[in-house]
Amino acid sequence: MPKKSSACTAIGNKIQRESVIFTTMSLKTIVLLAGVSVGLLSGCAGDKLLFPIEPKIEFVSIEPKTILEGEVFNITIKYQDGDGDLGDNSKNSDKPSFIVIDNRRYLPPGVDSTYASGFLPNLTPDTRSPSIQGKITMRMEAISVADPNLNEERFTYSIYILDRKGHKSNTIQTDSLTIKRF
């Protein structure tokens, strides 16, 4: 069961929402920190969509850029969604809302290139115009060098998100991450 804390602050005609989500998955553990700033034009925009209804994401950072096996790292992305239906608003959803794909050339036989998938928190604030935007930081854990012939690997991840209606975002690629054996 995810743990969530959230606070909303009204700033002029914008609303800023901060939330922290901790999610544990069965095969891989991912801690999703959604330090979400949702920019809204609540009074002026009315029901007008400011962005397309398909989510759009943009790579911001991967930190640190070099890790040892088993260390954590963070991937931060920006998002926009015209109809504001990002994140899971029901406990019964069976479709993940974010997918992270491992782009390494060598993966052991039988290993799926989907590094992580899971559920974004509900990013739709209570008082808002339809369109939302903000940043999401995903804290990733439990990664190791996949090629047994190497002491370190340098690779990227591809990421996309899905909204509640099934609209798929563009796919982005992170900057390189270097992982070193102990």
C-alpha atoms as a PDB file:
ATOM      1  CA  MET A   1       0.000   0.000   0.000  1.00  0.00           C
ATOM      2  CA  PRO A   2       1.572   3.312  -1.050  1.00  0.00           C
ATOM      3  CA  LYS A   3       2.194   5.926   1.625  1.00  0.00           C
ATOM      4  CA  LYS A   4       1.304   9.436   0.615  1.00  0.00           C
ATOM      5  CA  SER A   5       1.709  12.866   2.079  1.00  0.00           C
ATOM      6  CA  SER A   6       0.495  15.917   0.270  1.00  0.00           C
ATOM      7  CA  ALA A   7      -0.011  19.616   0.706  1.00  0.00           C
ATOM      8  CA  CYS A   8      -1.578  22.171  -1.606  1.00  0.00           C
ATOM      9  CA  THR A   9      -0.718  25.853  -1.559  1.00  0.00           C
ATOM     10  CA  ALA A  10      -2.559  28.521  -3.519  1.00  0.00           C
ATOM     11  CA  ILE A  11      -0.250  31.127  -5.039  1.00  0.00           C
ATOM     12  CA  GLY A  12      -2.202  33.858  -6.856  1.00  0.00           C
ATOM     13  CA  ASN A  13      -4.070  32.109  -9.652  1.00  0.00           C
ATOM     14  CA  LYS A  14      -1.772  29.081  -9.517  1.00  0.00           C
ATOM     15  CA  ILE A  15      -1.949  26.042  -7.290  1.00  0.00           C
ATOM     16  CA  GLN A  16       1.190  24.198  -6.264  1.00  0.00           C
ATOM     17  CA  ARG A  17       0.814  20.644  -5.066  1.00  0.00           C
ATOM     18  CA  GLU A  18       3.568  18.696  -3.350  1.00  0.00           C
ATOM     19  CA  SER A  19       3.266  14.978  -2.710  1.00  0.00           C
ATOM     20  CA  VAL A  20       5.550  12.101  -1.872  1.00  0.00           C
ATOM     21  CA  ILE A  21       4.681   8.543  -2.870  1.00  0.00           C
ATOM     22  CA  PHE A  22       6.523   5.389  -1.818  1.00  0.00           C
ATOM     23  CA  THR A  23       5.712   2.322  -3.928  1.00  0.00           C
ATOM     24  CA  THR A  24       7.146  -1.172  -3.493  1.00  0.00           C
ATOM     25  CA  MET A  25       6.989  -3.632  -6.395  1.00  0.00           C
ATOM     26  CA  SER A  26       7.314  -7.414  -6.212  1.00  0.00           C
ATOM     27  CA  LEU A  27      10.383  -8.117  -8.412  1.00  0.00           C
ATOM     28  CA  LYS A  28      12.053  -4.741  -8.303  1.00  0.00           C
ATOM     29  CA  THR A  29      11.710  -2.001  -5.759  1.00  0.00           C
ATOM     30  CA  ILE A  30      11.069   1.488  -6.965  1.00  0.00           C
ATOM     31  CA  VAL A  31      10.462   4.412  -4.746  1.00  0.00           C
ATOM     32  CA  LEU A  32       8.555   7.028  -6.674  1.00  0.00           C
ATOM     33  CA  LEU A  33       8.996  10.485  -5.293  1.00  0.00           C
ATOM     34  CA  ALA A  34       6.527  12.718  -6.941  1.00  0.00           C
ATOM     35  CA  GLY A  35       7.649  16.169  -5.934  1.00  0.00           C
ATOM     36  CA  VAL A  36       4.870  17.452  -8.075  1.00  0.00           C
ATOM     37  CA  SER A  37       4.388  21.101  -8.874  1.00  0.00           C
ATOM     38  CA  VAL A  38       1.138  21.393 -10.728  1.00  0.00           C
ATOM     39  CA  GLY A  39       0.844  24.742 -12.486  1.00  0.00           C
ATOM     40  CA  LEU A  40      -2.738  25.737 -13.135  1.00  0.00           C
ATOM     41  CA  LEU A  41      -4.565  28.738 -14.472  1.00  0.00           C
ATOM     42  CA  SER A  42      -7.653  28.085 -12.431  1.00  0.00           C
ATOM     43  CA  GLY A  43      -9.527  31.377 -12.690  1.00  0.00           C
ATOM     44  CA  CYS A  44      -8.705  32.521 -16.250  1.00  0.00           C
ATOM     45  CA  ALA A  45      -8.505  29.327 -18.254  1.00  0.00           C
ATOM     46  CA  GLY A  46     -11.871  27.839 -17.273  1.00  0.00           C
ATOM     47  CA  ASP A  47     -12.330  24.528 -19.068  1.00  0.00           C
ATOM     48  CA  LYS A  48     -10.030  25.417 -21.976  1.00  0.00           C
ATOM     49  CA  LEU A  49      -7.306  22.842 -22.624  1.00  0.00           C
ATOM     50  CA  LEU A  50      -3.843  24.409 -22.577  1.00  0.00           C
ATOM     51  CA  PHE A  51      -2.086  21.274 -23.897  1.00  0.00           C
ATOM     52  CA  PRO A  52      -3.041  18.249 -26.044  1.00  0.00           C
ATOM     53  CA  ILE A  53      -4.920  15.443 -24.247  1.00  0.00           C
ATOM     54  CA  GLU A  54      -2.002  13.051 -24.877  1.00  0.00           C
ATOM     55  CA  PRO A  55       0.584  13.429 -22.107  1.00  0.00           C
ATOM     56  CA  LYS A  56       3.917  14.973 -23.066  1.00  0.00           C
ATOM     57  CA  ILE A  57       7.092  14.346 -21.100  1.00  0.00           C
ATOM     58  CA  GLU A  58      10.575  15.837 -21.168  1.00  0.00           C
ATOM     59  CA  PHE A  59      13.787  14.526 -19.626  1.00  0.00           C
ATOM     60  CA  VAL A  60      15.217  16.760 -16.872  1.00  0.00           C
ATOM     61  CA  SER A  61      18.003  14.801 -15.131  1.00  0.00           C
ATOM     62  CA  ILE A  62      19.493  11.532 -13.937  1.00  0.00           C
ATOM     63  CA  GLU A  63      21.470  11.841 -10.689  1.00  0.00           C
ATOM     64  CA  PRO A  64      24.046  10.760  -9.831  1.00  0.00           C
ATOM     65  CA  LYS A  65      25.467   9.940 -13.254  1.00  0.00           C
ATOM     66  CA  THR A  66      27.790   7.226 -11.864  1.00  0.00           C
ATOM     67  CA  ILE A  67      26.808   4.634  -9.239  1.00  0.00           C
ATOM     68  CA  LEU A  68      28.053   1.380  -7.725  1.00  0.00           C
ATOM     69  CA  GLU A  69      25.902  -1.743  -8.085  1.00  0.00           C
ATOM     70  CA  GLY A  70      22.924  -1.615  -5.732  1.00  0.00           C
ATOM     71  CA  GLU A  71      23.029   2.155  -5.179  1.00  0.00           C
ATOM     72  CA  VAL A  72      20.011   4.324  -5.847  1.00  0.00           C
ATOM     73  CA  PHE A  73      19.672   7.008  -8.499  1.00  0.00           C
ATOM     74  CA  ASN A  74      16.968   9.511  -9.430  1.00  0.00           C
ATOM     75  CA  ILE A  75      15.363  10.225 -12.788  1.00  0.00           C
ATOM     76  CA  THR A  76      13.426  13.501 -13.049  1.00  0.00           C
ATOM     77  CA  ILE A  77      10.997  14.282 -15.862  1.00  0.00           C
ATOM     78  CA  LYS A  78       8.596  17.130 -16.664  1.00  0.00           C
ATOM     79  CA  TYR A  79       5.045  16.361 -17.757  1.00  0.00           C
ATOM     80  CA  GLN A  80       2.059  18.128 -19.338  1.00  0.00           C
ATOM     81  CA  ASP A  81      -1.432  16.749 -19.864  1.00  0.00           C
ATOM     82  CA  GLY A  82      -4.286  18.687 -21.458  1.00  0.00           C
ATOM     83  CA  ASP A  83      -7.175  16.892 -19.794  1.00  0.00           C
ATOM     84  CA  GLY A  84      -5.350  16.363 -16.496  1.00  0.00           C
ATOM     85  CA  ASP A  85      -5.994  12.642 -16.090  1.00  0.00           C
ATOM     86  CA  LEU A  86      -2.533  11.495 -15.025  1.00  0.00           C
ATOM     87  CA  GLY A  87      -1.978   9.066 -12.206  1.00  0.00           C
ATOM     88  CA  ASP A  88      -3.989   6.313 -10.631  1.00  0.00           C
ATOM     89  CA  ASN A  89      -7.233   7.415  -9.046  1.00  0.00           C
ATOM     90  CA  SER A  90      -8.451   3.919  -8.210  1.00  0.00           C
ATOM     91  CA  LYS A  91      -6.964   1.038  -6.297  1.00  0.00           C
ATOM     92  CA  ASN A  92      -8.221  -1.398  -8.959  1.00  0.00           C
ATOM     93  CA  SER A  93      -6.138  -0.183 -11.905  1.00  0.00           C
ATOM     94  CA  ASP A  94      -4.227  -3.020 -13.582  1.00  0.00           C
ATOM     95  CA  LYS A  95      -2.426  -0.888 -16.187  1.00  0.00           C
ATOM     96  CA  PRO A  96       0.828   0.762 -15.117  1.00  0.00           C
ATOM     97  CA  SER A  97       1.004   4.517 -15.662  1.00  0.00           C
ATOM     98  CA  PHE A  98       4.767   4.703 -16.206  1.00  0.00           C
ATOM     99  CA  ILE A  99       7.219   2.419 -17.994  1.00  0.00           C
ATOM    100  CA  VAL A 100      11.042   2.593 -17.741  1.00  0.00           C
ATOM    101  CA  ILE A 101      12.952   0.552 -20.353  1.00  0.00           C
ATOM    102  CA  ASP A 102      16.581  -0.530 -19.928  1.00  0.00           C
ATOM    103  CA  ASN A 103      18.471   0.282 -23.152  1.00  0.00           C
ATOM    104  CA  ARG A 104      21.547  -1.855 -22.481  1.00  0.00           C
ATOM    105  CA  ARG A 105      22.841  -3.855 -25.444  1.00  0.00           C
ATOM    106  CA  TYR A 106      23.530  -6.907 -23.288  1.00  0.00           C
ATOM    107  CA  LEU A 107      20.853  -8.315 -21.029  1.00  0.00           C
ATOM    108  CA  PRO A 108      21.089 -11.900 -19.767  1.00  0.00           C
ATOM    109  CA  PRO A 109      18.809 -14.429 -21.506  1.00  0.00           C
ATOM    110  CA  GLY A 110      15.275 -14.277 -20.164  1.00  0.00           C
ATOM    111  CA  VAL A 111      15.635 -10.749 -18.755  1.00  0.00           C
ATOM    112  CA  ASP A 112      12.921  -8.353 -19.938  1.00  0.00           C
ATOM    113  CA  SER A 113      14.126  -4.910 -21.012  1.00  0.00           C
ATOM    114  CA  THR A 114      11.330  -3.295 -18.974  1.00  0.00           C
ATOM    115  CA  TYR A 115      13.327  -2.181 -15.948  1.00  0.00           C
ATOM    116  CA  ALA A 116      10.391  -0.769 -14.065  1.00  0.00           C
ATOM    117  CA  SER A 117       6.714  -0.065 -14.332  1.00  0.00           C
ATOM    118  CA  GLY A 118       4.253   1.175 -11.804  1.00  0.00           C
ATOM    119  CA  PHE A 119       1.616   3.661 -10.874  1.00  0.00           C
ATOM    120  CA  LEU A 120       1.943   7.406 -10.668  1.00  0.00           C
ATOM    121  CA  PRO A 121       0.052   9.033  -7.828  1.00  0.00           C
ATOM    122  CA  ASN A 122      -3.126  10.845  -8.795  1.00  0.00           C
ATOM    123  CA  LEU A 123      -1.718  14.106 -10.172  1.00  0.00           C
ATOM    124  CA  THR A 124      -5.126  15.714 -10.627  1.00  0.00           C
ATOM    125  CA  PRO A 125      -5.636  18.380  -7.963  1.00  0.00           C
ATOM    126  CA  ASP A 126      -9.112  18.953  -6.544  1.00  0.00           C
ATOM    127  CA  THR A 127      -9.436  22.534  -7.800  1.00  0.00           C
ATOM    128  CA  ARG A 128      -8.019  22.988 -11.265  1.00  0.00           C
ATOM    129  CA  SER A 129      -8.503  23.774 -14.899  1.00  0.00           C
ATOM    130  CA  PRO A 130      -8.281  20.667 -17.074  1.00  0.00           C
ATOM    131  CA  SER A 131      -4.616  21.094 -18.018  1.00  0.00           C
ATOM    132  CA  ILE A 132      -1.789  20.135 -15.640  1.00  0.00           C
ATOM    133  CA  GLN A 133       2.000  20.215 -15.728  1.00  0.00           C
ATOM    134  CA  GLY A 134       4.789  19.512 -13.276  1.00  0.00           C
ATOM    135  CA  LYS A 135       7.855  17.421 -12.448  1.00  0.00           C
ATOM    136  CA  ILE A 136       8.167  13.842 -11.240  1.00  0.00           C
ATOM    137  CA  THR A 137      11.300  12.343  -9.658  1.00  0.00           C
ATOM    138  CA  MET A 138      11.568   8.558  -9.681  1.00  0.00           C
ATOM    139  CA  ARG A 139      13.990   7.004  -7.185  1.00  0.00           C
ATOM    140  CA  MET A 140      15.314   3.792  -8.737  1.00  0.00           C
ATOM    141  CA  GLU A 141      16.967   0.920  -6.835  1.00  0.00           C
ATOM    142  CA  ALA A 142      18.547  -2.510  -7.253  1.00  0.00           C
ATOM    143  CA  ILE A 143      20.527  -2.302 -10.496  1.00  0.00           C
ATOM    144  CA  SER A 144      23.711  -4.191 -11.388  1.00  0.00           C
ATOM    145  CA  VAL A 145      26.159  -4.617 -14.266  1.00  0.00           C
ATOM    146  CA  ALA A 146      24.420  -7.019 -16.671  1.00  0.00           C
ATOM    147  CA  ASP A 147      27.371  -8.062 -18.854  1.00  0.00           C
ATOM    148  CA  PRO A 148      29.571 -10.520 -16.885  1.00  0.00           C
ATOM    149  CA  ASN A 149      32.591  -9.523 -19.016  1.00  0.00           C
ATOM    150  CA  LEU A 150      32.519  -5.873 -17.936  1.00  0.00           C
ATOM    151  CA  ASN A 151      33.415  -4.063 -14.719  1.00  0.00           C
ATOM    152  CA  GLU A 152      31.184  -1.134 -15.639  1.00  0.00           C
ATOM    153  CA  GLU A 153      28.406  -0.304 -18.099  1.00  0.00           C
ATOM    154  CA  ARG A 154      27.210   2.994 -19.518  1.00  0.00           C
ATOM    155  CA  PHE A 155      23.647   3.082 -20.849  1.00  0.00           C
ATOM    156  CA  THR A 156      20.382   4.998 -20.991  1.00  0.00           C
ATOM    157  CA  TYR A 157      16.729   4.407 -20.142  1.00  0.00           C
ATOM    158  CA  SER A 158      13.653   5.120 -22.255  1.00  0.00           C
ATOM    159  CA  ILE A 159      10.523   6.310 -20.451  1.00  0.00           C
ATOM    160  CA  TYR A 160       6.893   6.892 -21.326  1.00  0.00           C
ATOM    161  CA  ILE A 161       3.725   7.427 -19.319  1.00  0.00           C
ATOM    162  CA  LEU A 162       0.043   6.570 -19.857  1.00  0.00           C
ATOM    163  CA  ASP A 163      -2.941   8.558 -18.647  1.00  0.00           C
ATOM    164  CA  ARG A 164      -6.129   7.039 -17.245  1.00  0.00           C
ATOM    165  CA  LYS A 165      -7.787   7.014 -20.678  1.00  0.00           C
ATOM    166  CA  GLY A 166      -4.843   5.069 -22.129  1.00  0.00           C
ATOM    167  CA  HIS A 167      -3.249   7.955 -24.031  1.00  0.00           C
ATOM    168  CA  LYS A 168       0.481   7.254 -24.377  1.00  0.00           C
ATOM    169  CA  SER A 169       3.027  10.041 -24.051  1.00  0.00           C
ATOM    170  CA  ASN A 170       6.031  10.525 -26.245  1.00  0.00           C
ATOM    171  CA  THR A 171       8.998   8.298 -25.341  1.00  0.00           C
ATOM    172  CA  ILE A 172      12.064  10.062 -23.968  1.00  0.00           C
ATOM    173  CA  GLN A 173      15.616   8.879 -23.435  1.00  0.00           C
ATOM    174  CA  THR A 174      17.657   9.752 -20.352  1.00  0.00           C
ATOM    175  CA  ASP A 175      21.248  10.886 -20.323  1.00  0.00           C
ATOM    176  CA  SER A 176      23.766   8.085 -19.740  1.00  0.00           C
ATOM    177  CA  LEU A 177      24.121   6.328 -16.395  1.00  0.00           C
ATOM    178  CA  THR A 178      27.379   4.536 -15.541  1.00  0.00           C
ATOM    179  CA  ILE A 179      27.206   1.600 -13.148  1.00  0.00           C
ATOM    180  CA  LYS A 180      30.360   0.038 -11.663  1.00  0.00           C
ATOM    181  CA  ARG A 181      30.921  -3.297  -9.962  1.00  0.00           C
ATOM    182  CA  PHE A 182      31.965  -3.182  -6.281  1.00  0.00           C
END
